[in-house]
Protein backbone atom coordinates (compact mmCIF):
# COMPACT_ATOMS: atom_id res chain seq x y z
CA MET A 1 7.44 10.07 5.04
CA PHE A 2 5.71 7.49 2.84
CA GLU A 3 2.73 8.28 0.75
CA ASP A 4 0.03 5.88 1.85
CA PRO A 5 -1.43 3.92 -1.08
CA ALA A 6 -3.12 0.64 -0.22
CA ILE A 7 -0.86 -2.36 -0.67
CA ARG A 8 -2.16 -4.10 -3.76
CA PRO A 9 -2.43 -7.91 -3.90
CA GLN A 10 0.91 -9.15 -5.17
CA LEU A 11 -0.57 -11.16 -8.06
CA GLN A 12 -3.03 -8.53 -9.25
CA ARG A 13 -2.13 -6.34 -12.21
CA PRO A 14 -3.03 -2.70 -11.60
CA ASP A 15 -5.79 -1.29 -13.78
CA TYR A 16 -4.35 2.01 -14.93
CA ARG A 17 -6.93 4.65 -15.86
CA ASN A 18 -6.58 8.31 -16.76
CA ALA A 19 -8.48 11.22 -15.26
CA ALA A 20 -11.39 10.53 -17.62
CA GLY A 21 -11.65 6.95 -16.38
CA GLU A 22 -10.26 5.47 -19.60
CA ARG A 23 -7.86 2.53 -19.41
CA VAL A 24 -4.27 3.24 -20.45
CA PRO A 25 -1.47 0.74 -21.12
CA SER A 26 1.20 0.03 -18.56
CA VAL A 27 4.90 0.63 -19.14
CA THR A 28 5.62 -3.10 -18.84
CA THR A 29 2.87 -4.00 -21.33
CA VAL A 30 4.25 -1.57 -23.91
CA ILE A 31 7.83 -2.76 -23.50
CA GLY A 32 6.85 -6.42 -23.48
CA ALA A 33 4.91 -6.01 -26.73
CA THR A 34 7.53 -4.01 -28.63
CA PHE A 35 11.03 -4.98 -27.45
CA ALA A 36 12.31 -8.22 -28.96
CA LYS A 37 14.16 -10.56 -26.60
CA PRO A 38 15.94 -13.12 -28.84
CA ALA A 39 17.97 -14.39 -25.89
CA LEU A 40 14.76 -15.69 -24.31
CA THR A 41 14.05 -17.87 -27.33
CA ALA A 42 17.49 -19.45 -27.14
CA TRP A 43 17.07 -19.89 -23.38
CA ALA A 44 13.69 -21.62 -23.82
CA ASN A 45 15.18 -23.89 -26.47
CA ARG A 46 18.01 -24.88 -24.13
CA LEU A 47 15.54 -25.78 -21.39
CA GLY A 48 13.50 -27.81 -23.83
CA MET A 49 16.61 -29.73 -24.90
CA GLN A 50 17.13 -30.54 -21.22
CA GLY A 51 13.58 -31.86 -20.89
CA MET A 52 12.34 -28.91 -18.83
CA ASP A 53 9.07 -27.02 -19.22
CA SER A 54 10.27 -23.51 -20.08
CA GLU A 55 6.91 -21.87 -19.37
CA ARG A 56 6.66 -23.42 -15.91
CA TYR A 57 10.27 -22.50 -15.18
CA ARG A 58 9.66 -18.93 -16.36
CA ASP A 59 6.61 -18.64 -14.09
CA GLU A 60 8.62 -19.87 -11.12
CA ARG A 61 11.32 -17.28 -11.79
CA ALA A 62 8.70 -14.57 -12.14
CA GLY A 63 7.30 -15.72 -8.80
CA GLU A 64 10.74 -15.30 -7.25
CA GLY A 65 10.79 -11.72 -8.48
CA SER A 66 7.35 -11.02 -7.03
CA VAL A 67 8.41 -12.49 -3.68
CA MET A 68 11.57 -10.38 -3.61
CA HIS A 69 9.58 -7.25 -4.43
CA ALA A 70 7.02 -8.06 -1.73
CA LEU A 71 9.74 -8.57 0.86
CA ILE A 72 11.52 -5.34 -0.07
CA HIS A 73 8.27 -3.37 -0.06
CA ALA A 74 7.28 -4.76 3.35
CA HIS A 75 10.77 -4.23 4.78
CA LEU A 76 10.81 -0.57 3.75
CA ARG A 77 7.39 -0.07 5.33
CA ARG A 78 8.31 -2.14 8.42
CA GLU A 79 5.51 -4.61 7.75
CA GLU A 80 5.16 -8.34 7.21
CA ALA A 81 4.89 -9.56 3.62
CA ASP A 82 2.08 -11.94 2.69
CA LEU A 83 3.80 -14.70 0.72
CA SER A 84 0.91 -17.17 0.87
CA PRO A 85 0.03 -16.86 -2.87
CA PHE A 86 3.47 -18.10 -3.90
CA SER A 87 4.96 -21.57 -4.26
CA PRO A 88 7.68 -22.80 -1.88
CA THR A 89 10.20 -22.61 -4.75
CA ALA A 90 9.29 -18.97 -5.49
CA ARG A 91 9.44 -18.07 -1.80
CA ALA A 92 12.89 -19.65 -1.40
CA GLY A 93 14.38 -17.91 -4.44
CA GLY A 94 12.75 -14.58 -3.58
CA ARG A 95 14.18 -14.70 -0.06
CA VAL A 96 17.67 -15.30 -1.49
CA GLY A 97 17.29 -12.21 -3.66
CA PHE A 98 15.91 -10.14 -0.79
CA LEU A 99 18.74 -11.05 1.58
CA ARG A 100 21.31 -10.26 -1.12
CA TRP A 101 19.61 -6.90 -1.81
CA ARG A 102 19.61 -6.02 1.88
CA ARG A 103 23.20 -7.14 2.53
CA ASP A 104 24.88 -5.94 -0.66
CA TRP A 105 22.83 -2.81 -1.36
CA LEU A 106 20.58 -1.45 1.41
CA ASP A 107 23.17 -1.80 4.18
CA HIS A 108 25.49 0.52 2.20
CA GLN A 109 22.97 3.28 1.52
CA VAL A 110 21.49 6.27 3.32
CA LEU A 111 17.90 5.78 2.16
CA SER A 112 14.91 8.07 2.75
CA PRO A 113 11.83 6.46 1.11
CA ILE A 114 9.23 8.78 -0.40
CA ALA A 115 6.84 6.44 -2.26
CA SER A 116 7.01 2.65 -2.45
CA GLU A 117 5.10 0.86 -5.22
CA HIS A 118 2.82 3.84 -5.77
CA SER A 119 0.85 3.52 -9.03
CA LEU A 120 0.93 6.56 -11.33
CA VAL A 121 -0.64 7.58 -14.64
CA SER A 122 0.82 10.03 -17.14
CA GLU A 123 -1.94 12.31 -18.37
CA ARG A 124 0.46 13.88 -20.84
CA HIS A 125 1.42 10.65 -22.59
CA GLN A 126 -1.41 8.36 -21.46
CA TYR A 127 0.34 5.41 -19.86
CA GLY A 128 0.60 4.03 -16.35
CA GLY A 129 3.06 2.25 -14.15
CA THR A 130 4.17 1.43 -10.62
CA PRO A 131 7.76 2.38 -9.80
CA ASP A 132 9.34 0.18 -7.16
CA LEU A 133 10.58 3.12 -5.13
CA ILE A 134 11.09 6.87 -5.19
CA ALA A 135 13.51 7.82 -2.46
CA GLY A 136 16.30 10.05 -1.32
CA VAL A 137 19.59 8.18 -1.72
CA SER A 138 22.39 9.98 0.12
CA GLY A 139 20.38 13.19 -0.20
CA ARG A 140 19.50 12.90 -3.92
CA VAL A 141 15.99 11.98 -5.09
CA GLU A 142 16.15 8.86 -7.24
CA LEU A 143 13.75 6.49 -8.94
CA LEU A 144 14.75 2.92 -8.11
CA ASP A 145 13.76 -0.32 -9.80
CA TRP A 146 14.61 -3.83 -8.57
CA LYS A 147 15.15 -6.66 -11.07
CA THR A 148 15.69 -10.37 -10.48
CA SER A 149 18.22 -10.85 -13.27
CA LYS A 150 21.93 -11.40 -13.73
CA ARG A 151 22.48 -7.99 -15.33
CA VAL A 152 20.78 -4.72 -16.27
CA TYR A 153 19.31 -4.82 -19.79
CA VAL A 154 18.38 -1.95 -22.09
CA GLU A 155 14.64 -2.52 -21.59
CA HIS A 156 15.16 -2.06 -17.84
CA LEU A 157 16.57 1.42 -18.50
CA VAL A 158 13.73 2.22 -20.90
CA GLN A 159 11.26 1.24 -18.17
CA ALA A 160 13.05 3.33 -15.54
CA ALA A 161 13.13 6.33 -17.89
CA ALA A 162 9.37 6.06 -18.47
CA TYR A 163 8.79 5.86 -14.72
CA ALA A 164 11.05 8.86 -14.08
CA ALA A 165 9.18 11.01 -16.61
CA MET A 166 5.90 10.03 -14.97
CA ALA A 167 7.29 10.79 -11.51
CA TRP A 168 8.29 14.30 -12.63
CA GLU A 169 4.79 14.80 -13.97
CA HIS A 170 3.49 14.03 -10.47
CA GLY A 171 5.82 16.47 -8.74
CA HIS A 172 8.68 14.14 -7.74
CA GLN A 173 11.90 15.93 -8.72
CA VAL A 174 13.84 12.79 -9.59
CA ARG A 175 17.52 13.50 -10.26
CA ALA A 176 18.64 10.00 -11.20
CA VAL A 177 17.39 6.50 -11.96
CA ARG A 178 18.94 3.43 -10.39
CA VAL A 179 18.27 -0.11 -11.65
CA VAL A 180 19.45 -2.84 -9.28
CA ALA A 181 19.69 -6.34 -10.74
CA VAL A 182 19.71 -9.02 -8.04
CA SER A 183 20.29 -12.70 -8.75
CA THR A 184 18.05 -15.13 -6.84
CA GLU A 185 20.59 -17.94 -7.23
CA ALA A 186 22.58 -19.00 -4.18
CA ASP A 187 25.92 -18.24 -5.87
CA GLY A 188 24.66 -15.19 -7.74
CA ALA A 189 25.60 -11.54 -7.49
CA MET A 190 24.15 -8.05 -7.72
CA HIS A 191 24.69 -5.35 -10.34
CA GLU A 192 23.36 -1.83 -10.69
CA VAL A 193 23.28 1.04 -13.16
CA VAL A 194 22.87 4.60 -11.89
CA MET A 195 22.08 7.28 -14.47
CA PRO A 196 21.43 11.02 -14.09
CA VAL A 197 17.89 11.76 -15.22
CA GLU A 198 19.07 13.95 -18.11
CA ASP A 199 20.91 10.93 -19.53
CA THR A 200 17.67 8.94 -19.66
CA ARG A 201 16.23 11.07 -22.47
CA PRO A 202 17.22 8.67 -25.30
CA TYR A 203 15.64 5.80 -23.36
CA PHE A 204 12.44 7.77 -22.81
CA ALA A 205 12.37 8.66 -26.51
CA ALA A 206 12.61 4.93 -27.24
CA PHE A 207 9.71 4.30 -24.88
CA LEU A 208 7.53 6.94 -26.57
CA ALA A 209 8.32 5.36 -29.96
CA ALA A 210 7.35 1.97 -28.52
CA LEU A 211 4.15 3.46 -27.13
CA ARG A 212 3.20 4.83 -30.58
CA LEU A 213 3.94 1.46 -32.17
CA TYR A 214 1.91 -0.35 -29.51
CA ARG A 215 -1.11 1.88 -30.11
CA ARG A 216 -0.84 1.62 -33.89
CA ALA A 217 -0.55 -2.18 -33.76
CA LYS A 218 -3.51 -2.42 -31.38
CA ALA A 219 -5.63 -0.19 -33.61
CA LEU A 220 -4.78 -2.25 -36.70
CA ALA A 221 -5.59 -5.50 -34.89
CA GLU A 222 -9.06 -4.18 -34.13
CA VAL A 223 -9.90 -3.65 -37.81
CA VAL A 224 -8.55 -6.89 -39.29
CA PRO A 225 -11.18 -8.21 -41.75
CA ALA A 226 -12.99 -11.34 -40.61
């Protein structure tokens, strides 16, 4: 049985706050600010050499990911997804990813959803996040994260580990994390990494180190002399 959080607008970033009402950083904010992605620089340079606007292209690809997530979330809840905020290009790519996810992954699983896109906050470590899905997969409780990418990257596993720790804090006895990377290209493929939760400890340690660095950098930025 699903928990019943309100479906948030697909383009709105959740405002994560702790029990005292204080804002806390999200998992994606921390990882985005602390994990270098040199491949993205080379990718942007290649697009520029081809006369393409890398920022616009990146936004379109991000839109495809949001559309795919919206379609998956609605499908699991047996609802209709509102895709009106997205461009036709994002809707087309997102639908490709969704159909691949359903055909190549969902149709081969025994899935019992518990919580879909349910925002959580860690009071212990003071961060927030919204896991894509917590569910029973063939009888084992897993934390699942969908990615529109060609492969699973280390930062994806760091994110999943942070979500899993937060899920445990909220009473979800997650036994494994599963990151499913789904290409939104017509000739693309799907890849996944499944990891027992005890094997995520090094990734969670990396996240906690990133969280400390994020806080220290933010504090220093606030006291820079004028």
